[in-house]
PDB file of N, CA and C in Angstrom:
ATOM      1  N   GLN A   1     -60.412-103.678 -57.491  1.00  0.00           N
ATOM      2  CA  GLN A   1     -59.286-104.043 -57.118  1.00  0.00           C
ATOM      3  C   GLN A   1     -58.169-104.224 -58.395  1.00  0.00           C
ATOM      4  N   VAL A   2     -57.084-102.809 -58.195  1.00  0.00           N
ATOM      5  CA  VAL A   2     -55.986-102.803 -58.933  1.00  0.00           C
ATOM      6  C   VAL A   2     -55.467-103.986 -59.874  1.00  0.00           C
ATOM      7  N   GLN A   3     -55.406-103.897 -61.233  1.00  0.00           N
ATOM      8  CA  GLN A   3     -54.618-105.093 -61.935  1.00  0.00           C
ATOM      9  C   GLN A   3     -53.674-104.417 -62.729  1.00  0.00           C
ATOM     10  N   LEU A   4     -52.281-105.033 -62.777  1.00  0.00           N
ATOM     11  CA  LEU A   4     -51.535-104.719 -63.770  1.00  0.00           C
ATOM     12  C   LEU A   4     -51.145-105.844 -64.472  1.00  0.00           C
ATOM     13  N   LEU A   5     -51.103-105.612 -65.203  1.00  0.00           N
ATOM     14  CA  LEU A   5     -51.136-106.598 -66.181  1.00  0.00           C
ATOM     15  C   LEU A   5     -49.509-106.467 -67.682  1.00  0.00           C
ATOM     16  N   GLU A   6     -48.443-107.684 -67.284  1.00  0.00           N
ATOM     17  CA  GLU A   6     -47.399-107.261 -67.964  1.00  0.00           C
ATOM     18  C   GLU A   6     -47.539-108.413 -69.282  1.00  0.00           C
ATOM     19  N   SER A   7     -46.694-107.328 -70.202  1.00  0.00           N
ATOM     20  CA  SER A   7     -46.488-108.429 -71.556  1.00  0.00           C
ATOM     21  C   SER A   7     -45.242-108.238 -72.006  1.00  0.00           C
ATOM     22  N   GLY A   8     -44.698-108.966 -73.048  1.00  0.00           N
ATOM     23  CA  GLY A   8     -43.259-108.482 -73.880  1.00  0.00           C
ATOM     24  C   GLY A   8     -42.480-109.264 -73.457  1.00  0.00           C
ATOM     25  N   GLY A   9     -42.459-110.217 -72.548  1.00  0.00           N
ATOM     26  CA  GLY A   9     -40.961-111.262 -72.527  1.00  0.00           C
ATOM     27  C   GLY A   9     -40.755-112.092 -73.010  1.00  0.00           C
ATOM     28  N   GLY A  10     -39.441-112.865 -73.036  1.00  0.00           N
ATOM     29  CA  GLY A  10     -39.391-113.840 -74.018  1.00  0.00           C
ATOM     30  C   GLY A  10     -38.166-114.137 -74.131  1.00  0.00           C
ATOM     31  N   LEU A  11     -37.496-114.964 -74.775  1.00  0.00           N
ATOM     32  CA  LEU A  11     -36.135-115.348 -74.826  1.00  0.00           C
ATOM     33  C   LEU A  11     -35.401-114.676 -76.040  1.00  0.00           C
ATOM     34  N   VAL A  12     -34.257-113.908 -76.034  1.00  0.00           N
ATOM     35  CA  VAL A  12     -33.771-113.496 -76.972  1.00  0.00           C
ATOM     36  C   VAL A  12     -31.979-113.543 -76.447  1.00  0.00           C
ATOM     37  N   GLN A  13     -31.350-113.195 -77.548  1.00  0.00           N
ATOM     38  CA  GLN A  13     -29.753-113.677 -77.069  1.00  0.00           C
ATOM     39  C   GLN A  13     -28.977-112.334 -76.571  1.00  0.00           C
ATOM     40  N   PRO A  14     -28.089-112.538 -76.322  1.00  0.00           N
ATOM     41  CA  PRO A  14     -27.315-111.305 -75.919  1.00  0.00           C
ATOM     42  C   PRO A  14     -27.062-110.383 -76.768  1.00  0.00           C
ATOM     43  N   GLY A  15     -27.238-108.893 -76.574  1.00  0.00           N
ATOM     44  CA  GLY A  15     -27.070-108.111 -77.733  1.00  0.00           C
ATOM     45  C   GLY A  15     -28.471-107.577 -78.269  1.00  0.00           C
ATOM     46  N   GLU A  16     -29.412-108.162 -77.868  1.00  0.00           N
ATOM     47  CA  GLU A  16     -30.779-108.134 -78.382  1.00  0.00           C
ATOM     48  C   GLU A  16     -31.637-107.136 -77.426  1.00  0.00           C
ATOM     49  N   SER A  17     -32.880-106.727 -78.017  1.00  0.00           N
ATOM     50  CA  SER A  17     -34.003-106.080 -77.161  1.00  0.00           C
ATOM     51  C   SER A  17     -35.085-106.547 -76.816  1.00  0.00           C
ATOM     52  N   LEU A  18     -36.046-106.489 -76.047  1.00  0.00           N
ATOM     53  CA  LEU A  18     -37.594-106.523 -75.925  1.00  0.00           C
ATOM     54  C   LEU A  18     -37.729-105.218 -75.247  1.00  0.00           C
ATOM     55  N   ARG A  19     -39.142-105.164 -75.185  1.00  0.00           N
ATOM     56  CA  ARG A  19     -39.850-104.079 -74.576  1.00  0.00           C
ATOM     57  C   ARG A  19     -40.969-104.513 -74.007  1.00  0.00           C
ATOM     58  N   LEU A  20     -41.101-104.369 -72.675  1.00  0.00           N
ATOM     59  CA  LEU A  20     -42.247-104.916 -71.420  1.00  0.00           C
ATOM     60  C   LEU A  20     -43.123-103.695 -71.438  1.00  0.00           C
ATOM     61  N   SER A  21     -44.526-104.242 -71.413  1.00  0.00           N
ATOM     62  CA  SER A  21     -45.660-103.225 -71.060  1.00  0.00           C
ATOM     63  C   SER A  21     -46.304-103.853 -69.786  1.00  0.00           C
ATOM     64  N   CYS A  22     -46.688-102.543 -69.159  1.00  0.00           N
ATOM     65  CA  CYS A  22     -47.705-103.058 -67.945  1.00  0.00           C
ATOM     66  C   CYS A  22     -48.619-102.009 -68.213  1.00  0.00           C
ATOM     67  N   ARG A  23     -49.571-102.690 -68.343  1.00  0.00           N
ATOM     68  CA  ARG A  23     -51.208-102.027 -68.315  1.00  0.00           C
ATOM     69  C   ARG A  23     -51.772-102.056 -66.544  1.00  0.00           C
ATOM     70  N   VAL A  24     -51.987-100.986 -66.700  1.00  0.00           N
ATOM     71  CA  VAL A  24     -52.988-100.649 -65.271  1.00  0.00           C
ATOM     72  C   VAL A  24     -54.652-100.522 -65.264  1.00  0.00           C
ATOM     73  N   SER A  25     -55.344-100.929 -64.618  1.00  0.00           N
ATOM     74  CA  SER A  25     -56.272-101.444 -64.910  1.00  0.00           C
ATOM     75  C   SER A  25     -57.469-100.239 -64.355  1.00  0.00           C
ATOM     76  N   GLU A  26     -56.729 -99.254 -63.850  1.00  0.00           N
ATOM     77  CA  GLU A  26     -57.111 -97.526 -63.525  1.00  0.00           C
ATOM     78  C   GLU A  26     -56.597 -96.795 -64.156  1.00  0.00           C
ATOM     79  N   ASN A  27     -57.002 -95.491 -63.785  1.00  0.00           N
ATOM     80  CA  ASN A  27     -56.339 -94.754 -64.292  1.00  0.00           C
ATOM     81  C   ASN A  27     -55.069 -94.310 -64.006  1.00  0.00           C
ATOM     82  N   ILE A  28     -53.830 -94.101 -64.465  1.00  0.00           N
ATOM     83  CA  ILE A  28     -52.062 -94.254 -64.244  1.00  0.00           C
ATOM     84  C   ILE A  28     -51.811 -93.246 -63.473  1.00  0.00           C
ATOM     85  N   PHE A  29     -52.918 -91.847 -63.361  1.00  0.00           N
ATOM     86  CA  PHE A  29     -52.518 -90.836 -62.215  1.00  0.00           C
ATOM     87  C   PHE A  29     -53.149 -90.928 -60.755  1.00  0.00           C
ATOM     88  N   ASN A  30     -53.659 -92.179 -60.722  1.00  0.00           N
ATOM     89  CA  ASN A  30     -54.045 -92.834 -59.520  1.00  0.00           C
ATOM     90  C   ASN A  30     -52.808 -92.823 -58.556  1.00  0.00           C
ATOM     91  N   PHE A  31     -51.656 -93.382 -58.984  1.00  0.00           N
ATOM     92  CA  PHE A  31     -51.009 -93.568 -58.455  1.00  0.00           C
ATOM     93  C   PHE A  31     -49.448 -93.086 -58.936  1.00  0.00           C
ATOM     94  N   ASN A  32     -48.805 -92.778 -57.510  1.00  0.00           N
ATOM     95  CA  ASN A  32     -47.624 -91.863 -57.638  1.00  0.00           C
ATOM     96  C   ASN A  32     -46.760 -92.397 -58.582  1.00  0.00           C
ATOM     97  N   SER A  33     -46.404 -93.695 -58.932  1.00  0.00           N
ATOM     98  CA  SER A  33     -45.307 -94.179 -59.121  1.00  0.00           C
ATOM     99  C   SER A  33     -45.533 -95.396 -59.963  1.00  0.00           C
ATOM    100  N   VAL A  34     -44.947 -95.630 -61.057  1.00  0.00           N
ATOM    101  CA  VAL A  34     -45.171 -97.673 -61.507  1.00  0.00           C
ATOM    102  C   VAL A  34     -43.792 -97.618 -61.533  1.00  0.00           C
ATOM    103  N   GLY A  35     -43.639 -99.108 -61.257  1.00  0.00           N
ATOM    104  CA  GLY A  35     -41.754 -99.568 -61.402  1.00  0.00           C
ATOM    105  C   GLY A  35     -41.765-100.749 -61.743  1.00  0.00           C
ATOM    106  N   TRP A  36     -40.677-100.994 -62.149  1.00  0.00           N
ATOM    107  CA  TRP A  36     -40.366-102.562 -62.620  1.00  0.00           C
ATOM    108  C   TRP A  36     -39.186-103.089 -61.768  1.00  0.00           C
ATOM    109  N   HIS A  37     -39.535-104.468 -61.077  1.00  0.00           N
ATOM    110  CA  HIS A  37     -38.751-104.937 -60.540  1.00  0.00           C
ATOM    111  C   HIS A  37     -38.301-106.033 -61.093  1.00  0.00           C
ATOM    112  N   ARG A  38     -37.355-106.833 -60.477  1.00  0.00           N
ATOM    113  CA  ARG A  38     -36.790-108.265 -61.341  1.00  0.00           C
ATOM    114  C   ARG A  38     -36.564-109.401 -60.637  1.00  0.00           C
ATOM    115  N   GLN A  39     -36.962-110.696 -60.266  1.00  0.00           N
ATOM    116  CA  GLN A  39     -36.147-111.454 -59.776  1.00  0.00           C
ATOM    117  C   GLN A  39     -35.831-112.926 -60.515  1.00  0.00           C
ATOM    118  N   ALA A  40     -34.273-112.937 -60.152  1.00  0.00           N
ATOM    119  CA  ALA A  40     -33.707-113.608 -60.943  1.00  0.00           C
ATOM    120  C   ALA A  40     -33.819-115.279 -59.760  1.00  0.00           C
ATOM    121  N   PRO A  41     -33.529-116.421 -60.707  1.00  0.00           N
ATOM    122  CA  PRO A  41     -33.196-117.695 -59.767  1.00  0.00           C
ATOM    123  C   PRO A  41     -32.652-117.634 -58.664  1.00  0.00           C
ATOM    124  N   GLY A  42     -33.133-118.184 -57.523  1.00  0.00           N
ATOM    125  CA  GLY A  42     -32.105-117.846 -56.356  1.00  0.00           C
ATOM    126  C   GLY A  42     -32.195-117.103 -55.526  1.00  0.00           C
ATOM    127  N   LYS A  43     -32.493-115.513 -56.562  1.00  0.00           N
ATOM    128  CA  LYS A  43     -32.348-114.582 -55.934  1.00  0.00           C
ATOM    129  C   LYS A  43     -33.339-113.441 -55.317  1.00  0.00           C
ATOM    130  N   GLU A  44     -33.177-112.769 -54.567  1.00  0.00           N
ATOM    131  CA  GLU A  44     -34.660-111.748 -53.995  1.00  0.00           C
ATOM    132  C   GLU A  44     -34.815-110.642 -55.304  1.00  0.00           C
ATOM    133  N   ARG A  45     -36.229-110.290 -55.288  1.00  0.00           N
ATOM    134  CA  ARG A  45     -36.701-109.469 -55.732  1.00  0.00           C
ATOM    135  C   ARG A  45     -36.270-107.901 -55.977  1.00  0.00           C
ATOM    136  N   ASP A  46     -35.530-107.711 -56.749  1.00  0.00           N
ATOM    137  CA  ASP A  46     -35.198-106.116 -56.730  1.00  0.00           C
ATOM    138  C   ASP A  46     -35.453-104.947 -57.646  1.00  0.00           C
ATOM    139  N   PHE A  47     -35.051-103.888 -57.211  1.00  0.00           N
ATOM    140  CA  PHE A  47     -35.631-102.844 -58.301  1.00  0.00           C
ATOM    141  C   PHE A  47     -34.869-102.480 -59.168  1.00  0.00           C
ATOM    142  N   VAL A  48     -35.457-102.010 -60.647  1.00  0.00           N
ATOM    143  CA  VAL A  48     -34.835-101.855 -61.612  1.00  0.00           C
ATOM    144  C   VAL A  48     -34.908-100.487 -62.187  1.00  0.00           C
ATOM    145  N   ALA A  49     -36.493-100.158 -62.012  1.00  0.00           N
ATOM    146  CA  ALA A  49     -36.341 -98.591 -62.866  1.00  0.00           C
ATOM    147  C   ALA A  49     -38.146 -98.692 -62.172  1.00  0.00           C
ATOM    148  N   LYS A  50     -38.128 -96.887 -62.006  1.00  0.00           N
ATOM    149  CA  LYS A  50     -39.331 -96.227 -62.176  1.00  0.00           C
ATOM    150  C   LYS A  50     -39.816 -95.285 -62.633  1.00  0.00           C
ATOM    151  N   ILE A  51     -41.203 -94.797 -62.664  1.00  0.00           N
ATOM    152  CA  ILE A  51     -41.552 -93.186 -63.533  1.00  0.00           C
ATOM    153  C   ILE A  51     -42.546 -93.298 -62.961  1.00  0.00           C
ATOM    154  N   ASN A  52     -42.389 -91.893 -62.615  1.00  0.00           N
ATOM    155  CA  ASN A  52     -43.344 -91.192 -61.584  1.00  0.00           C
ATOM    156  C   ASN A  52     -44.527 -90.465 -62.123  1.00  0.00           C
ATOM    157  N   VAL A  53     -45.105 -89.736 -61.297  1.00  0.00           N
ATOM    158  CA  VAL A  53     -46.433 -89.325 -62.499  1.00  0.00           C
ATOM    159  C   VAL A  53     -46.076 -87.855 -63.291  1.00  0.00           C
ATOM    160  N   GLY A  54     -45.006 -87.392 -62.785  1.00  0.00           N
ATOM    161  CA  GLY A  54     -44.171 -86.350 -63.656  1.00  0.00           C
ATOM    162  C   GLY A  54     -43.351 -86.841 -64.926  1.00  0.00           C
ATOM    163  N   GLY A  55     -43.323 -88.205 -64.683  1.00  0.00           N
ATOM    164  CA  GLY A  55     -42.499 -88.643 -66.156  1.00  0.00           C
ATOM    165  C   GLY A  55     -41.211 -88.570 -65.561  1.00  0.00           C
ATOM    166  N   VAL A  56     -40.765 -88.563 -64.372  1.00  0.00           N
ATOM    167  CA  VAL A  56     -39.380 -88.629 -63.903  1.00  0.00           C
ATOM    168  C   VAL A  56     -38.977 -90.069 -63.754  1.00  0.00           C
ATOM    169  N   THR A  57     -37.282 -90.307 -64.074  1.00  0.00           N
ATOM    170  CA  THR A  57     -37.508 -91.803 -64.230  1.00  0.00           C
ATOM    171  C   THR A  57     -36.146 -91.801 -63.222  1.00  0.00           C
ATOM    172  N   THR A  58     -36.485 -93.037 -62.984  1.00  0.00           N
ATOM    173  CA  THR A  58     -34.972 -93.536 -61.973  1.00  0.00           C
ATOM    174  C   THR A  58     -34.512 -95.006 -62.243  1.00  0.00           C
ATOM    175  N   TYR A  59     -33.386 -95.134 -62.247  1.00  0.00           N
ATOM    176  CA  TYR A  59     -32.872 -96.644 -62.716  1.00  0.00           C
ATOM    177  C   TYR A  59     -32.010 -97.234 -61.658  1.00  0.00           C
ATOM    178  N   THR A  60     -31.597 -98.647 -61.858  1.00  0.00           N
ATOM    179  CA  THR A  60     -30.767 -98.997 -61.051  1.00  0.00           C
ATOM    180  C   THR A  60     -29.463 -99.106 -61.768  1.00  0.00           C
ATOM    181  N   ASP A  61     -28.657 -99.212 -61.007  1.00  0.00           N
ATOM    182  CA  ASP A  61     -27.066 -98.685 -61.796  1.00  0.00           C
ATOM    183  C   ASP A  61     -26.539 -99.218 -62.911  1.00  0.00           C
ATOM    184  N   SER A  62     -27.406-100.961 -62.827  1.00  0.00           N
ATOM    185  CA  SER A  62     -26.817-101.942 -63.469  1.00  0.00           C
ATOM    186  C   SER A  62     -27.504-101.712 -65.165  1.00  0.00           C
ATOM    187  N   VAL A  63     -28.936-101.213 -65.131  1.00  0.00           N
ATOM    188  CA  VAL A  63     -29.357-100.546 -66.364  1.00  0.00           C
ATOM    189  C   VAL A  63     -29.238 -99.342 -66.763  1.00  0.00           C
ATOM    190  N   LYS A  64     -29.137 -98.422 -66.452  1.00  0.00           N
ATOM    191  CA  LYS A  64     -28.608 -96.981 -66.752  1.00  0.00           C
ATOM    192  C   LYS A  64     -28.066 -97.270 -68.000  1.00  0.00           C
ATOM    193  N   GLY A  65     -28.746 -96.531 -69.010  1.00  0.00           N
ATOM    194  CA  GLY A  65     -27.669 -96.325 -70.561  1.00  0.00           C
ATOM    195  C   GLY A  65     -28.405 -97.640 -71.600  1.00  0.00           C
ATOM    196  N   ARG A  66     -28.864 -98.614 -70.962  1.00  0.00           N
ATOM    197  CA  ARG A  66     -29.428 -99.350 -71.641  1.00  0.00           C
ATOM    198  C   ARG A  66     -31.186 -99.799 -71.441  1.00  0.00           C
ATOM    199  N   PHE A  67     -32.197 -99.390 -70.586  1.00  0.00           N
ATOM    200  CA  PHE A  67     -33.177 -99.478 -70.309  1.00  0.00           C
ATOM    201  C   PHE A  67     -33.833 -98.160 -70.515  1.00  0.00           C
ATOM    202  N   THR A  68     -34.981 -98.069 -71.040  1.00  0.00           N
ATOM    203  CA  THR A  68     -35.609 -96.921 -70.771  1.00  0.00           C
ATOM    204  C   THR A  68     -36.854 -96.697 -70.316  1.00  0.00           C
ATOM    205  N   ASN A  69     -37.424 -96.385 -69.367  1.00  0.00           N
ATOM    206  CA  ASN A  69     -38.994 -96.655 -68.923  1.00  0.00           C
ATOM    207  C   ASN A  69     -39.400 -95.273 -69.561  1.00  0.00           C
ATOM    208  N   SER A  70     -40.943 -95.582 -69.768  1.00  0.00           N
ATOM    209  CA  SER A  70     -41.932 -94.550 -70.087  1.00  0.00           C
ATOM    210  C   SER A  70     -43.565 -94.684 -70.016  1.00  0.00           C
ATOM    211  N   ARG A  71     -44.316 -94.047 -70.351  1.00  0.00           N
ATOM    212  CA  ARG A  71     -45.466 -94.115 -69.961  1.00  0.00           C
ATOM    213  C   ARG A  71     -46.054 -94.043 -70.752  1.00  0.00           C
ATOM    214  N   ASP A  72     -48.047 -94.238 -71.704  1.00  0.00           N
ATOM    215  CA  ASP A  72     -48.455 -93.583 -72.056  1.00  0.00           C
ATOM    216  C   ASP A  72     -49.811 -93.379 -71.532  1.00  0.00           C
ATOM    217  N   ASN A  73     -50.068 -91.998 -70.869  1.00  0.00           N
ATOM    218  CA  ASN A  73     -50.913 -92.115 -70.008  1.00  0.00           C
ATOM    219  C   ASN A  73     -52.216 -92.248 -70.286  1.00  0.00           C
ATOM    220  N   ALA A  74     -52.606 -92.442 -71.781  1.00  0.00           N
ATOM    221  CA  ALA A  74     -54.063 -92.285 -72.483  1.00  0.00           C
ATOM    222  C   ALA A  74     -54.103 -93.877 -72.460  1.00  0.00           C
ATOM    223  N   ARG A  75     -53.217 -94.342 -72.334  1.00  0.00           N
ATOM    224  CA  ARG A  75     -53.162 -96.037 -72.573  1.00  0.00           C
ATOM    225  C   ARG A  75     -53.031 -96.707 -71.170  1.00  0.00           C
ATOM    226  N   ASN A  76     -52.936 -95.777 -69.986  1.00  0.00           N
ATOM    227  CA  ASN A  76     -52.608 -96.220 -68.771  1.00  0.00           C
ATOM    228  C   ASN A  76     -51.962 -97.305 -68.603  1.00  0.00           C
ATOM    229  N   THR A  77     -50.962 -97.315 -69.485  1.00  0.00           N
ATOM    230  CA  THR A  77     -49.568 -98.595 -69.654  1.00  0.00           C
ATOM    231  C   THR A  77     -48.183 -97.339 -69.602  1.00  0.00           C
ATOM    232  N   VAL A  78     -47.324 -98.367 -68.541  1.00  0.00           N
ATOM    233  CA  VAL A  78     -45.945 -98.205 -68.747  1.00  0.00           C
ATOM    234  C   VAL A  78     -45.105 -99.217 -69.633  1.00  0.00           C
ATOM    235  N   TYR A  79     -44.233 -98.632 -70.028  1.00  0.00           N
ATOM    236  CA  TYR A  79     -43.045 -99.473 -70.986  1.00  0.00           C
ATOM    237  C   TYR A  79     -41.847 -99.318 -70.236  1.00  0.00           C
ATOM    238  N   LEU A  80     -40.963-100.682 -70.760  1.00  0.00           N
ATOM    239  CA  LEU A  80     -39.460-100.918 -70.262  1.00  0.00           C
ATOM    240  C   LEU A  80     -38.861-101.102 -71.443  1.00  0.00           C
ATOM    241  N   GLN A  81     -38.303-100.657 -72.354  1.00  0.00           N
ATOM    242  CA  GLN A  81     -37.083-100.550 -73.489  1.00  0.00           C
ATOM    243  C   GLN A  81     -36.423-101.198 -72.943  1.00  0.00           C
ATOM    244  N   MET A  82     -35.898-102.384 -73.017  1.00  0.00           N
ATOM    245  CA  MET A  82     -34.594-103.011 -72.745  1.00  0.00           C
ATOM    246  C   MET A  82     -33.557-103.291 -73.837  1.00  0.00           C
ATOM    247  N   ASN A  83     -32.420-102.487 -73.991  1.00  0.00           N
ATOM    248  CA  ASN A  83     -31.442-102.578 -75.142  1.00  0.00           C
ATOM    249  C   ASN A  83     -30.243-103.638 -74.321  1.00  0.00           C
ATOM    250  N   ASN A  84     -29.544-104.066 -75.335  1.00  0.00           N
ATOM    251  CA  ASN A  84     -28.301-104.710 -74.888  1.00  0.00           C
ATOM    252  C   ASN A  84     -28.543-105.345 -74.180  1.00  0.00           C
ATOM    253  N   LEU A  85     -29.293-106.603 -74.207  1.00  0.00           N
ATOM    254  CA  LEU A  85     -29.540-107.254 -72.879  1.00  0.00           C
ATOM    255  C   LEU A  85     -28.293-108.291 -72.893  1.00  0.00           C
ATOM    256  N   THR A  86     -28.091-108.848 -71.589  1.00  0.00           N
ATOM    257  CA  THR A  86     -27.031-109.765 -70.908  1.00  0.00           C
ATOM    258  C   THR A  86     -27.874-110.839 -70.461  1.00  0.00           C
ATOM    259  N   PRO A  87     -27.019-111.584 -69.995  1.00  0.00           N
ATOM    260  CA  PRO A  87     -27.725-113.093 -69.342  1.00  0.00           C
ATOM    261  C   PRO A  87     -27.707-112.463 -67.635  1.00  0.00           C
ATOM    262  N   GLU A  88     -27.106-111.717 -67.747  1.00  0.00           N
ATOM    263  CA  GLU A  88     -27.449-111.334 -66.394  1.00  0.00           C
ATOM    264  C   GLU A  88     -28.737-110.557 -65.822  1.00  0.00           C
ATOM    265  N   ASP A  89     -29.166-110.119 -67.026  1.00  0.00           N
ATOM    266  CA  ASP A  89     -30.725-109.569 -67.043  1.00  0.00           C
ATOM    267  C   ASP A  89     -31.748-110.763 -66.938  1.00  0.00           C
ATOM    268  N   THR A  90     -31.453-111.925 -67.235  1.00  0.00           N
ATOM    269  CA  THR A  90     -32.243-112.800 -67.059  1.00  0.00           C
ATOM    270  C   THR A  90     -33.085-112.897 -65.700  1.00  0.00           C
ATOM    271  N   ALA A  91     -34.640-112.564 -65.965  1.00  0.00           N
ATOM    272  CA  ALA A  91     -35.371-113.003 -64.537  1.00  0.00           C
ATOM    273  C   ALA A  91     -36.861-112.812 -64.590  1.00  0.00           C
ATOM    274  N   VAL A  92     -37.919-113.176 -63.688  1.00  0.00           N
ATOM    275  CA  VAL A  92     -38.918-112.508 -63.829  1.00  0.00           C
ATOM    276  C   VAL A  92     -39.424-110.834 -63.642  1.00  0.00           C
ATOM    277  N   TYR A  93     -39.742-110.271 -64.418  1.00  0.00           N
ATOM    278  CA  TYR A  93     -39.457-108.810 -64.704  1.00  0.00           C
ATOM    279  C   TYR A  93     -41.591-108.392 -64.040  1.00  0.00           C
ATOM    280  N   TYR A  94     -41.571-107.820 -62.694  1.00  0.00           N
ATOM    281  CA  TYR A  94     -42.810-107.462 -62.363  1.00  0.00           C
ATOM    282  C   TYR A  94     -43.335-105.859 -62.354  1.00  0.00           C
ATOM    283  N   CYS A  95     -44.416-105.558 -62.845  1.00  0.00           N
ATOM    284  CA  CYS A  95     -44.882-104.280 -62.582  1.00  0.00           C
ATOM    285  C   CYS A  95     -45.294-104.034 -61.298  1.00  0.00           C
ATOM    286  N   ALA A  96     -45.229-102.708 -60.738  1.00  0.00           N
ATOM    287  CA  ALA A  96     -45.517-102.520 -59.660  1.00  0.00           C
ATOM    288  C   ALA A  96     -46.178-101.148 -59.413  1.00  0.00           C
ATOM    289  N   ALA A  97     -47.131-101.227 -58.717  1.00  0.00           N
ATOM    290  CA  ALA A  97     -47.870 -99.616 -58.731  1.00  0.00           C
ATOM    291  C   ALA A  97     -47.605 -99.141 -57.230  1.00  0.00           C
ATOM    292  N   ARG A  98     -47.352 -97.493 -57.057  1.00  0.00           N
ATOM    293  CA  ARG A  98     -46.990 -96.927 -55.920  1.00  0.00           C
ATOM    294  C   ARG A  98     -48.330 -95.577 -55.874  1.00  0.00           C
ATOM    295  N   SER A  99     -49.123 -95.939 -54.526  1.00  0.00           N
ATOM    296  CA  SER A  99     -50.157 -95.064 -54.263  1.00  0.00           C
ATOM    297  C   SER A  99     -49.608 -93.722 -53.517  1.00  0.00           C
ATOM    298  N   TYR A 100     -50.092 -92.360 -53.707  1.00  0.00           N
ATOM    299  CA  TYR A 100     -49.806 -91.411 -52.915  1.00  0.00           C
ATOM    300  C   TYR A 100     -49.512 -91.121 -51.516  1.00  0.00           C
ATOM    301  N   TYR A 101     -50.251 -92.412 -51.006  1.00  0.00           N
ATOM    302  CA  TYR A 101     -50.357 -92.426 -49.619  1.00  0.00           C
ATOM    303  C   TYR A 101     -48.813 -93.824 -49.028  1.00  0.00           C
ATOM    304  N   SER A 102     -48.575 -93.913 -49.958  1.00  0.00           N
ATOM    305  CA  SER A 102     -47.812 -95.118 -49.095  1.00  0.00           C
ATOM    306  C   SER A 102     -45.985 -95.048 -49.538  1.00  0.00           C
ATOM    307  N   ASN A 103     -45.155 -95.262 -49.407  1.00  0.00           N
ATOM    308  CA  ASN A 103     -44.023 -95.670 -49.306  1.00  0.00           C
ATOM    309  C   ASN A 103     -43.398 -97.074 -50.301  1.00  0.00           C
ATOM    310  N   THR A 104     -44.524 -97.768 -50.037  1.00  0.00           N
ATOM    311  CA  THR A 104     -44.206 -99.401 -51.418  1.00  0.00           C
ATOM    312  C   THR A 104     -45.208 -99.550 -51.931  1.00  0.00           C
ATOM    313  N   TYR A 105     -44.583-100.616 -53.014  1.00  0.00           N
ATOM    314  CA  TYR A 105     -45.303-100.797 -54.014  1.00  0.00           C
ATOM    315  C   TYR A 105     -46.792-101.991 -53.543  1.00  0.00           C
ATOM    316  N   ALA A 106     -47.948-101.677 -53.364  1.00  0.00           N
ATOM    317  CA  ALA A 106     -48.756-102.236 -53.019  1.00  0.00           C
ATOM    318  C   ALA A 106     -49.654-102.964 -54.015  1.00  0.00           C
ATOM    319  N   TYR A 107     -49.352-102.830 -55.004  1.00  0.00           N
ATOM    320  CA  TYR A 107     -49.750-103.346 -56.493  1.00  0.00           C
ATOM    321  C   TYR A 107     -48.997-103.959 -57.121  1.00  0.00           C
ATOM    322  N   TRP A 108     -49.069-105.487 -57.366  1.00  0.00           N
ATOM    323  CA  TRP A 108     -47.839-106.138 -58.398  1.00  0.00           C
ATOM    324  C   TRP A 108     -48.790-106.874 -59.454  1.00  0.00           C
ATOM    325  N   GLY A 109     -48.305-106.843 -60.623  1.00  0.00           N
ATOM    326  CA  GLY A 109     -48.531-107.964 -61.791  1.00  0.00           C
ATOM    327  C   GLY A 109     -48.012-109.309 -61.256  1.00  0.00           C
ATOM    328  N   GLN A 110     -48.531-109.982 -62.258  1.00  0.00           N
ATOM    329  CA  GLN A 110     -47.995-111.433 -62.051  1.00  0.00           C
ATOM    330  C   GLN A 110     -46.763-112.080 -62.754  1.00  0.00           C
ATOM    331  N   GLY A 111     -46.331-110.652 -63.522  1.00  0.00           N
ATOM    332  CA  GLY A 111     -44.411-111.129 -63.947  1.00  0.00           C
ATOM    333  C   GLY A 111     -44.595-111.575 -65.471  1.00  0.00           C
ATOM    334  N   THR A 112     -43.386-111.555 -65.682  1.00  0.00           N
ATOM    335  CA  THR A 112     -43.243-112.081 -67.313  1.00  0.00           C
ATOM    336  C   THR A 112     -41.994-112.480 -67.569  1.00  0.00           C
ATOM    337  N   GLN A 113     -41.843-113.653 -67.889  1.00  0.00           N
ATOM    338  CA  GLN A 113     -40.026-113.672 -67.806  1.00  0.00           C
ATOM    339  C   GLN A 113     -39.490-113.613 -69.031  1.00  0.00           C
ATOM    340  N   VAL A 114     -37.996-113.292 -68.862  1.00  0.00           N
ATOM    341  CA  VAL A 114     -37.329-112.545 -69.849  1.00  0.00           C
ATOM    342  C   VAL A 114     -35.988-113.357 -69.480  1.00  0.00           C
ATOM    343  N   THR A 115     -35.381-114.363 -70.913  1.00  0.00           N
ATOM    344  CA  THR A 115     -34.339-115.129 -71.060  1.00  0.00           C
ATOM    345  C   THR A 115     -33.330-114.581 -71.854  1.00  0.00           C
ATOM    346  N   VAL A 116     -32.135-114.171 -71.452  1.00  0.00           N
ATOM    347  CA  VAL A 116     -31.235-114.132 -72.487  1.00  0.00           C
ATOM    348  C   VAL A 116     -30.440-115.170 -72.567  1.00  0.00           C
ATOM    349  N   SER A 117     -30.100-115.576 -73.343  1.00  0.00           N
ATOM    350  CA  SER A 117     -29.059-117.060 -73.585  1.00  0.00           C
ATOM    351  C   SER A 117     -28.807-116.939 -75.258  1.00  0.00           C
ATOM    352  N   SER A 118     -27.365-117.507 -75.678  1.00  0.00           N
ATOM    353  CA  SER A 118     -27.133-117.799 -76.296  1.00  0.00           C
ATOM    354  C   SER A 118     -27.331-119.112 -76.808  1.00  0.00           C
TER     355      SER A 118
END
């Protein structure tokens, strides 16, 4: 059973930074991409960023230039560096992995809360 474990969430003030980590229980090369999604209170879960097996990253427009997705293959870990956070970034952030044989993210972590408030 694939497990993804997020960490690094917390409470920060606007303009501050956080780094989320997602550790995958298997060899990270078993997955075509690992992505981040977030769900704000009362809203649907939305795509934030992803990084594929070749290290190519994709971001939703609202985080471009502020968030950076990276991976440490030796640690089977993906990171989301979030800078210049705003209250609109407040959400539960989920890590998810997609296999080579699917167009959807089949494996999800339990989520980590990010709260941006003054």
